[in-house]
Structures are given as structure tokens and as C-alpha cells.
PDB file of N, CA and C in Angstrom:
ATOM      1  N   MET A   1      -4.114 -39.380   6.759  1.00  0.00           N
ATOM      2  CA  MET A   1      -4.792 -38.191   5.938  1.00  0.00           C
ATOM      3  C   MET A   1      -4.380 -36.927   6.974  1.00  0.00           C
ATOM      4  N   PRO A   2      -3.541 -35.706   6.599  1.00  0.00           N
ATOM      5  CA  PRO A   2      -2.713 -35.299   7.174  1.00  0.00           C
ATOM      6  C   PRO A   2      -3.624 -33.995   7.731  1.00  0.00           C
ATOM      7  N   CYS A   3      -3.742 -33.516   8.993  1.00  0.00           N
ATOM      8  CA  CYS A   3      -4.453 -32.358   9.531  1.00  0.00           C
ATOM      9  C   CYS A   3      -3.840 -31.621   9.938  1.00  0.00           C
ATOM     10  N   ARG A   4      -4.704 -30.003   9.741  1.00  0.00           N
ATOM     11  CA  ARG A   4      -4.520 -28.690  10.160  1.00  0.00           C
ATOM     12  C   ARG A   4      -5.055 -27.958  11.307  1.00  0.00           C
ATOM     13  N   VAL A   5      -3.983 -27.515  11.961  1.00  0.00           N
ATOM     14  CA  VAL A   5      -4.902 -26.471  12.895  1.00  0.00           C
ATOM     15  C   VAL A   5      -4.618 -25.129  13.017  1.00  0.00           C
ATOM     16  N   GLY A   6      -4.990 -24.363  12.983  1.00  0.00           N
ATOM     17  CA  GLY A   6      -4.311 -23.023  13.256  1.00  0.00           C
ATOM     18  C   GLY A   6      -5.576 -21.789  14.320  1.00  0.00           C
ATOM     19  N   ILE A   7      -5.321 -20.421  13.544  1.00  0.00           N
ATOM     20  CA  ILE A   7      -5.677 -19.339  14.516  1.00  0.00           C
ATOM     21  C   ILE A   7      -6.325 -18.651  13.255  1.00  0.00           C
ATOM     22  N   THR A   8      -7.505 -17.933  13.474  1.00  0.00           N
ATOM     23  CA  THR A   8      -8.323 -16.632  12.821  1.00  0.00           C
ATOM     24  C   THR A   8      -9.516 -15.832  13.501  1.00  0.00           C
ATOM     25  N   THR A   9      -9.213 -14.535  13.617  1.00  0.00           N
ATOM     26  CA  THR A   9     -10.083 -13.695  13.669  1.00  0.00           C
ATOM     27  C   THR A   9     -11.567 -14.040  12.629  1.00  0.00           C
ATOM     28  N   ARG A  10     -11.471 -14.700  11.403  1.00  0.00           N
ATOM     29  CA  ARG A  10     -12.407 -14.532  10.796  1.00  0.00           C
ATOM     30  C   ARG A  10     -12.693 -15.977   9.761  1.00  0.00           C
ATOM     31  N   PRO A  11     -13.143 -16.630  10.725  1.00  0.00           N
ATOM     32  CA  PRO A  11     -13.566 -18.465  10.223  1.00  0.00           C
ATOM     33  C   PRO A  11     -13.397 -18.425   9.241  1.00  0.00           C
ATOM     34  N   GLU A  12     -14.418 -17.812   8.364  1.00  0.00           N
ATOM     35  CA  GLU A  12     -15.010 -18.439   7.101  1.00  0.00           C
ATOM     36  C   GLU A  12     -14.303 -17.946   5.957  1.00  0.00           C
ATOM     37  N   LYS A  13     -13.984 -17.062   5.871  1.00  0.00           N
ATOM     38  CA  LYS A  13     -12.947 -16.225   4.850  1.00  0.00           C
ATOM     39  C   LYS A  13     -11.318 -17.347   5.046  1.00  0.00           C
ATOM     40  N   ARG A  14     -10.956 -17.866   6.424  1.00  0.00           N
ATOM     41  CA  ARG A  14      -9.897 -18.615   6.741  1.00  0.00           C
ATOM     42  C   ARG A  14     -10.093 -19.687   5.754  1.00  0.00           C
ATOM     43  N   ARG A  15     -11.167 -20.142   5.668  1.00  0.00           N
ATOM     44  CA  ARG A  15     -11.795 -21.563   5.362  1.00  0.00           C
ATOM     45  C   ARG A  15     -11.662 -21.660   4.240  1.00  0.00           C
ATOM     46  N   ARG A  16     -12.093 -20.388   3.708  1.00  0.00           N
ATOM     47  CA  ARG A  16     -12.123 -20.235   1.646  1.00  0.00           C
ATOM     48  C   ARG A  16     -10.587 -20.418   0.998  1.00  0.00           C
ATOM     49  N   GLU A  17      -9.916 -19.882   2.158  1.00  0.00           N
ATOM     50  CA  GLU A  17      -8.203 -19.740   1.917  1.00  0.00           C
ATOM     51  C   GLU A  17      -8.106 -21.123   1.798  1.00  0.00           C
ATOM     52  N   TRP A  18      -8.324 -21.148   2.670  1.00  0.00           N
ATOM     53  CA  TRP A  18      -7.388 -23.044   2.669  1.00  0.00           C
ATOM     54  C   TRP A  18      -8.262 -23.803   1.627  1.00  0.00           C
ATOM     55  N   GLU A  19      -9.572 -23.826   1.440  1.00  0.00           N
ATOM     56  CA  GLU A  19      -9.963 -25.124  -0.023  1.00  0.00           C
ATOM     57  C   GLU A  19      -9.185 -24.287  -1.398  1.00  0.00           C
ATOM     58  N   ASN A  20      -8.944 -23.291  -1.694  1.00  0.00           N
ATOM     59  CA  ASN A  20      -7.450 -23.093  -2.827  1.00  0.00           C
ATOM     60  C   ASN A  20      -6.215 -23.621  -2.266  1.00  0.00           C
ATOM     61  N   LYS A  21      -5.638 -24.078  -1.250  1.00  0.00           N
ATOM     62  CA  LYS A  21      -4.246 -24.266  -0.880  1.00  0.00           C
ATOM     63  C   LYS A  21      -4.509 -25.862  -0.550  1.00  0.00           C
ATOM     64  N   VAL A  22      -5.520 -26.707  -0.530  1.00  0.00           N
ATOM     65  CA  VAL A  22      -5.279 -27.851  -0.381  1.00  0.00           C
ATOM     66  C   VAL A  22      -6.508 -28.828  -1.107  1.00  0.00           C
ATOM     67  N   ILE A  23      -6.047 -29.763  -1.407  1.00  0.00           N
ATOM     68  CA  ILE A  23      -7.035 -31.170  -2.341  1.00  0.00           C
ATOM     69  C   ILE A  23      -7.870 -31.685  -0.686  1.00  0.00           C
ATOM     70  N   GLY A  24      -9.077 -31.935  -0.713  1.00  0.00           N
ATOM     71  CA  GLY A  24      -9.640 -32.916  -0.442  1.00  0.00           C
ATOM     72  C   GLY A  24      -9.959 -32.618   1.649  1.00  0.00           C
ATOM     73  N   LEU A  25     -10.483 -30.990   1.375  1.00  0.00           N
ATOM     74  CA  LEU A  25     -10.889 -30.571   2.768  1.00  0.00           C
ATOM     75  C   LEU A  25     -12.313 -31.292   3.014  1.00  0.00           C
ATOM     76  N   LYS A  26     -11.651 -31.330   4.763  1.00  0.00           N
ATOM     77  CA  LYS A  26     -13.344 -31.905   4.869  1.00  0.00           C
ATOM     78  C   LYS A  26     -12.600 -32.073   6.554  1.00  0.00           C
ATOM     79  N   ASN A  27     -13.522 -32.146   7.365  1.00  0.00           N
ATOM     80  CA  ASN A  27     -13.578 -32.348   8.924  1.00  0.00           C
ATOM     81  C   ASN A  27     -13.699 -30.704   9.400  1.00  0.00           C
ATOM     82  N   TRP A  28     -13.687 -29.563   8.727  1.00  0.00           N
ATOM     83  CA  TRP A  28     -13.832 -27.911   9.264  1.00  0.00           C
ATOM     84  C   TRP A  28     -14.287 -28.001  10.658  1.00  0.00           C
ATOM     85  N   ARG A  29     -13.498 -27.324  11.426  1.00  0.00           N
ATOM     86  CA  ARG A  29     -14.184 -27.322  12.651  1.00  0.00           C
ATOM     87  C   ARG A  29     -13.455 -26.631  13.352  1.00  0.00           C
ATOM     88  N   ILE A  30     -14.220 -25.701  14.141  1.00  0.00           N
ATOM     89  CA  ILE A  30     -13.798 -24.392  15.546  1.00  0.00           C
ATOM     90  C   ILE A  30     -14.100 -25.418  16.427  1.00  0.00           C
ATOM     91  N   ILE A  31     -12.810 -25.123  16.979  1.00  0.00           N
ATOM     92  CA  ILE A  31     -11.961 -25.907  18.388  1.00  0.00           C
ATOM     93  C   ILE A  31     -12.404 -25.398  19.418  1.00  0.00           C
ATOM     94  N   GLY A  32     -12.018 -24.130  19.469  1.00  0.00           N
ATOM     95  CA  GLY A  32     -12.364 -23.335  20.132  1.00  0.00           C
ATOM     96  C   GLY A  32     -12.063 -21.471  19.484  1.00  0.00           C
ATOM     97  N   LYS A  33     -13.022 -20.876  20.925  1.00  0.00           N
ATOM     98  CA  LYS A  33     -12.786 -19.581  21.181  1.00  0.00           C
ATOM     99  C   LYS A  33     -12.279 -18.833  22.156  1.00  0.00           C
ATOM    100  N   HIS A  34     -11.277 -17.992  21.887  1.00  0.00           N
ATOM    101  CA  HIS A  34     -10.672 -17.139  22.906  1.00  0.00           C
ATOM    102  C   HIS A  34     -10.499 -16.105  23.062  1.00  0.00           C
ATOM    103  N   GLN A  35     -10.261 -14.994  23.892  1.00  0.00           N
ATOM    104  CA  GLN A  35     -10.459 -13.598  23.730  1.00  0.00           C
ATOM    105  C   GLN A  35      -9.154 -13.267  23.473  1.00  0.00           C
ATOM    106  N   SER A  36      -8.248 -13.862  23.627  1.00  0.00           N
ATOM    107  CA  SER A  36      -6.728 -13.565  23.540  1.00  0.00           C
ATOM    108  C   SER A  36      -6.015 -14.448  23.007  1.00  0.00           C
ATOM    109  N   ARG A  37      -4.997 -14.047  22.141  1.00  0.00           N
ATOM    110  CA  ARG A  37      -4.260 -14.024  20.949  1.00  0.00           C
ATOM    111  C   ARG A  37      -3.171 -15.465  21.980  1.00  0.00           C
ATOM    112  N   LYS A  38      -2.857 -14.885  23.552  1.00  0.00           N
ATOM    113  CA  LYS A  38      -2.016 -16.092  24.363  1.00  0.00           C
ATOM    114  C   LYS A  38      -2.727 -17.047  24.720  1.00  0.00           C
ATOM    115  N   LYS A  39      -4.067 -17.271  24.977  1.00  0.00           N
ATOM    116  CA  LYS A  39      -5.011 -18.411  25.085  1.00  0.00           C
ATOM    117  C   LYS A  39      -5.420 -19.152  23.843  1.00  0.00           C
ATOM    118  N   ALA A  40      -5.574 -18.451  22.382  1.00  0.00           N
ATOM    119  CA  ALA A  40      -5.864 -19.555  21.192  1.00  0.00           C
ATOM    120  C   ALA A  40      -4.287 -20.351  20.701  1.00  0.00           C
ATOM    121  N   GLN A  41      -3.176 -19.792  20.946  1.00  0.00           N
ATOM    122  CA  GLN A  41      -2.182 -20.459  20.353  1.00  0.00           C
ATOM    123  C   GLN A  41      -1.836 -21.540  21.208  1.00  0.00           C
ATOM    124  N   GLU A  42      -1.998 -21.092  22.971  1.00  0.00           N
ATOM    125  CA  GLU A  42      -1.577 -22.711  23.756  1.00  0.00           C
ATOM    126  C   GLU A  42      -3.059 -23.624  23.323  1.00  0.00           C
ATOM    127  N   HIS A  43      -4.046 -22.907  23.290  1.00  0.00           N
ATOM    128  CA  HIS A  43      -4.841 -24.387  22.751  1.00  0.00           C
ATOM    129  C   HIS A  43      -4.332 -25.278  21.031  1.00  0.00           C
ATOM    130  N   GLU A  44      -4.416 -24.127  20.623  1.00  0.00           N
ATOM    131  CA  GLU A  44      -3.319 -24.334  19.017  1.00  0.00           C
ATOM    132  C   GLU A  44      -1.977 -25.174  19.148  1.00  0.00           C
ATOM    133  N   ASP A  45      -1.145 -24.957  20.111  1.00  0.00           N
ATOM    134  CA  ASP A  45      -0.397 -26.132  20.212  1.00  0.00           C
ATOM    135  C   ASP A  45      -0.217 -27.077  20.774  1.00  0.00           C
ATOM    136  N   SER A  46      -1.289 -26.935  22.087  1.00  0.00           N
ATOM    137  CA  SER A  46      -1.711 -28.425  22.010  1.00  0.00           C
ATOM    138  C   SER A  46      -2.759 -29.612  21.863  1.00  0.00           C
ATOM    139  N   TYR A  47      -3.250 -28.811  20.882  1.00  0.00           N
ATOM    140  CA  TYR A  47      -4.094 -30.075  20.107  1.00  0.00           C
ATOM    141  C   TYR A  47      -3.143 -30.294  18.658  1.00  0.00           C
ATOM    142  N   ALA A  48      -2.004 -29.718  18.604  1.00  0.00           N
ATOM    143  CA  ALA A  48      -0.884 -29.697  17.451  1.00  0.00           C
ATOM    144  C   ALA A  48      -0.510 -30.852  17.805  1.00  0.00           C
ATOM    145  N   ARG A  49      -0.152 -31.031  18.812  1.00  0.00           N
ATOM    146  CA  ARG A  49       0.621 -31.739  19.794  1.00  0.00           C
ATOM    147  C   ARG A  49       0.023 -33.400  19.900  1.00  0.00           C
ATOM    148  N   GLN A  50      -1.000 -33.622  20.433  1.00  0.00           N
ATOM    149  CA  GLN A  50      -1.778 -34.198  21.231  1.00  0.00           C
ATOM    150  C   GLN A  50      -2.409 -35.225  19.675  1.00  0.00           C
ATOM    151  N   HIS A  51      -2.549 -34.544  18.028  1.00  0.00           N
ATOM    152  CA  HIS A  51      -3.282 -35.177  17.303  1.00  0.00           C
ATOM    153  C   HIS A  51      -2.168 -35.015  16.177  1.00  0.00           C
ATOM    154  N   GLY A  52      -1.096 -34.910  16.375  1.00  0.00           N
ATOM    155  CA  GLY A  52      -0.219 -34.772  15.192  1.00  0.00           C
ATOM    156  C   GLY A  52      -0.587 -33.588  13.935  1.00  0.00           C
ATOM    157  N   CYS A  53      -1.113 -32.812  13.793  1.00  0.00           N
ATOM    158  CA  CYS A  53      -1.566 -31.816  13.124  1.00  0.00           C
ATOM    159  C   CYS A  53      -0.331 -31.268  12.636  1.00  0.00           C
ATOM    160  N   GLY A  54      -0.412 -30.480  11.791  1.00  0.00           N
ATOM    161  CA  GLY A  54       0.770 -29.693  10.845  1.00  0.00           C
ATOM    162  C   GLY A  54      -0.031 -28.041  12.284  1.00  0.00           C
ATOM    163  N   ALA A  55       0.919 -27.559  12.283  1.00  0.00           N
ATOM    164  CA  ALA A  55      -0.117 -26.281  12.946  1.00  0.00           C
ATOM    165  C   ALA A  55       0.761 -24.758  12.087  1.00  0.00           C
ATOM    166  N   MET A  56      -0.175 -23.958  11.900  1.00  0.00           N
ATOM    167  CA  MET A  56       0.589 -22.234  10.951  1.00  0.00           C
ATOM    168  C   MET A  56       1.002 -21.109  12.480  1.00  0.00           C
ATOM    169  N   HIS A  57       2.122 -21.378  13.012  1.00  0.00           N
ATOM    170  CA  HIS A  57       1.925 -20.037  13.742  1.00  0.00           C
ATOM    171  C   HIS A  57       2.949 -19.271  13.088  1.00  0.00           C
ATOM    172  N   GLY A  58       2.187 -18.268  13.538  1.00  0.00           N
ATOM    173  CA  GLY A  58       2.557 -16.889  12.865  1.00  0.00           C
ATOM    174  C   GLY A  58       1.246 -16.088  12.644  1.00  0.00           C
ATOM    175  N   GLY A  59       1.434 -14.689  11.885  1.00  0.00           N
ATOM    176  CA  GLY A  59       0.049 -14.238  11.037  1.00  0.00           C
ATOM    177  C   GLY A  59       0.258 -12.800  11.941  1.00  0.00           C
ATOM    178  N   ARG A  60      -0.609 -12.157  11.473  1.00  0.00           N
ATOM    179  CA  ARG A  60      -1.236 -11.296  11.797  1.00  0.00           C
ATOM    180  C   ARG A  60      -1.726 -11.080  13.358  1.00  0.00           C
ATOM    181  N   TRP A  61      -1.657  -9.695  14.391  1.00  0.00           N
ATOM    182  CA  TRP A  61      -2.361 -10.312  15.196  1.00  0.00           C
ATOM    183  C   TRP A  61      -3.837  -9.304  15.154  1.00  0.00           C
ATOM    184  N   GLY A  62      -4.737  -9.471  15.095  1.00  0.00           N
ATOM    185  CA  GLY A  62      -6.177  -8.875  14.359  1.00  0.00           C
ATOM    186  C   GLY A  62      -6.752  -8.649  15.990  1.00  0.00           C
ATOM    187  N   SER A  63      -8.034  -8.207  16.067  1.00  0.00           N
ATOM    188  CA  SER A  63      -8.447  -8.197  16.893  1.00  0.00           C
ATOM    189  C   SER A  63      -9.704  -8.239  17.050  1.00  0.00           C
ATOM    190  N   GLY A  64     -10.698  -8.561  18.640  1.00  0.00           N
ATOM    191  CA  GLY A  64     -11.702  -9.755  18.328  1.00  0.00           C
ATOM    192  C   GLY A  64     -11.374 -10.756  18.908  1.00  0.00           C
ATOM    193  N   MET A  65     -12.410 -11.582  18.592  1.00  0.00           N
ATOM    194  CA  MET A  65     -11.947 -13.165  19.136  1.00  0.00           C
ATOM    195  C   MET A  65     -11.439 -13.597  18.085  1.00  0.00           C
ATOM    196  N   TYR A  66     -10.414 -14.829  19.231  1.00  0.00           N
ATOM    197  CA  TYR A  66      -9.947 -15.687  18.323  1.00  0.00           C
ATOM    198  C   TYR A  66     -10.310 -17.410  18.105  1.00  0.00           C
ATOM    199  N   TYR A  67     -10.464 -17.520  17.059  1.00  0.00           N
ATOM    200  CA  TYR A  67     -10.827 -19.116  16.624  1.00  0.00           C
ATOM    201  C   TYR A  67      -9.932 -20.034  16.368  1.00  0.00           C
ATOM    202  N   VAL A  68     -10.335 -21.111  17.053  1.00  0.00           N
ATOM    203  CA  VAL A  68      -8.704 -21.787  16.832  1.00  0.00           C
ATOM    204  C   VAL A  68      -9.668 -23.221  15.856  1.00  0.00           C
ATOM    205  N   TYR A  69      -9.216 -23.301  14.671  1.00  0.00           N
ATOM    206  CA  TYR A  69      -9.740 -24.133  13.872  1.00  0.00           C
ATOM    207  C   TYR A  69      -8.685 -25.314  13.306  1.00  0.00           C
ATOM    208  N   ARG A  70      -9.592 -26.781  13.134  1.00  0.00           N
ATOM    209  CA  ARG A  70      -9.037 -27.504  12.227  1.00  0.00           C
ATOM    210  C   ARG A  70      -9.574 -28.261  11.483  1.00  0.00           C
ATOM    211  N   PHE A  71      -8.996 -28.796  10.717  1.00  0.00           N
ATOM    212  CA  PHE A  71      -9.278 -29.685   8.965  1.00  0.00           C
ATOM    213  C   PHE A  71      -8.655 -31.130   9.279  1.00  0.00           C
ATOM    214  N   ASP A  72      -9.036 -31.555   8.252  1.00  0.00           N
ATOM    215  CA  ASP A  72      -8.138 -32.899   7.452  1.00  0.00           C
ATOM    216  C   ASP A  72      -8.000 -32.301   5.817  1.00  0.00           C
ATOM    217  N   TYR A  73      -6.894 -32.970   5.281  1.00  0.00           N
ATOM    218  CA  TYR A  73      -7.464 -32.860   3.656  1.00  0.00           C
ATOM    219  C   TYR A  73      -6.167 -33.981   3.313  1.00  0.00           C
ATOM    220  N   THR A  74      -6.107 -34.141   1.646  1.00  0.00           N
ATOM    221  CA  THR A  74      -5.358 -34.502   1.231  1.00  0.00           C
ATOM    222  C   THR A  74      -4.171 -34.899   0.508  1.00  0.00           C
ATOM    223  N   ARG A  75      -3.989 -33.694   0.319  1.00  0.00           N
ATOM    224  CA  ARG A  75      -2.850 -33.316   0.062  1.00  0.00           C
ATOM    225  C   ARG A  75      -2.630 -31.134  -0.527  1.00  0.00           C
ATOM    226  N   THR A  76      -2.113 -30.756  -0.260  1.00  0.00           N
ATOM    227  CA  THR A  76      -1.684 -29.354  -0.567  1.00  0.00           C
ATOM    228  C   THR A  76      -1.633 -28.967  -2.475  1.00  0.00           C
ATOM    229  N   LYS A  77      -1.861 -28.261  -2.776  1.00  0.00           N
ATOM    230  CA  LYS A  77      -1.755 -27.699  -4.362  1.00  0.00           C
ATOM    231  C   LYS A  77      -0.330 -27.686  -4.705  1.00  0.00           C
TER     232      LYS A  77
END
């Protein structure tokens, strides 16, 4: 089962977005909280390498706390 890791400042909204993009989303977890985008990006990259998850790089730079999330899914829609 593929997995995905990413960064967001709005975890619940991001989860709803992914629920509309993939089939079989499960095991959604927040695996880290960081005050800087750089630290969150390092965490995302490290987790993706260690666990073989796809990572979503890029996106807008928000403000506030950066949450690193991960989830499993069956396939994309």
C-alpha cells in the first residue's frame, strides 16, 4: 500500500483535500510539528526516505505552525 508524507499549516483541511484525491485513505497521522518550514521540510524528506513514501514538495509558504503528516492509500482517483 503506498504512503504519502507532506507539510501543511491546516491539517484538517489538507486531510479533506486528500480524501478527494485518493481512494482508501487510512492511517492519517501528524508525525511532527515545527515552527519553521525548513525544519518541517527536513522532517518530511527524512521520513519519505526512511519509509519509502511519496512526498509533495513545493506549495505556498504559510504562517504559523507547520505540521508534517503521513497517510496510506490504495490508489489515486
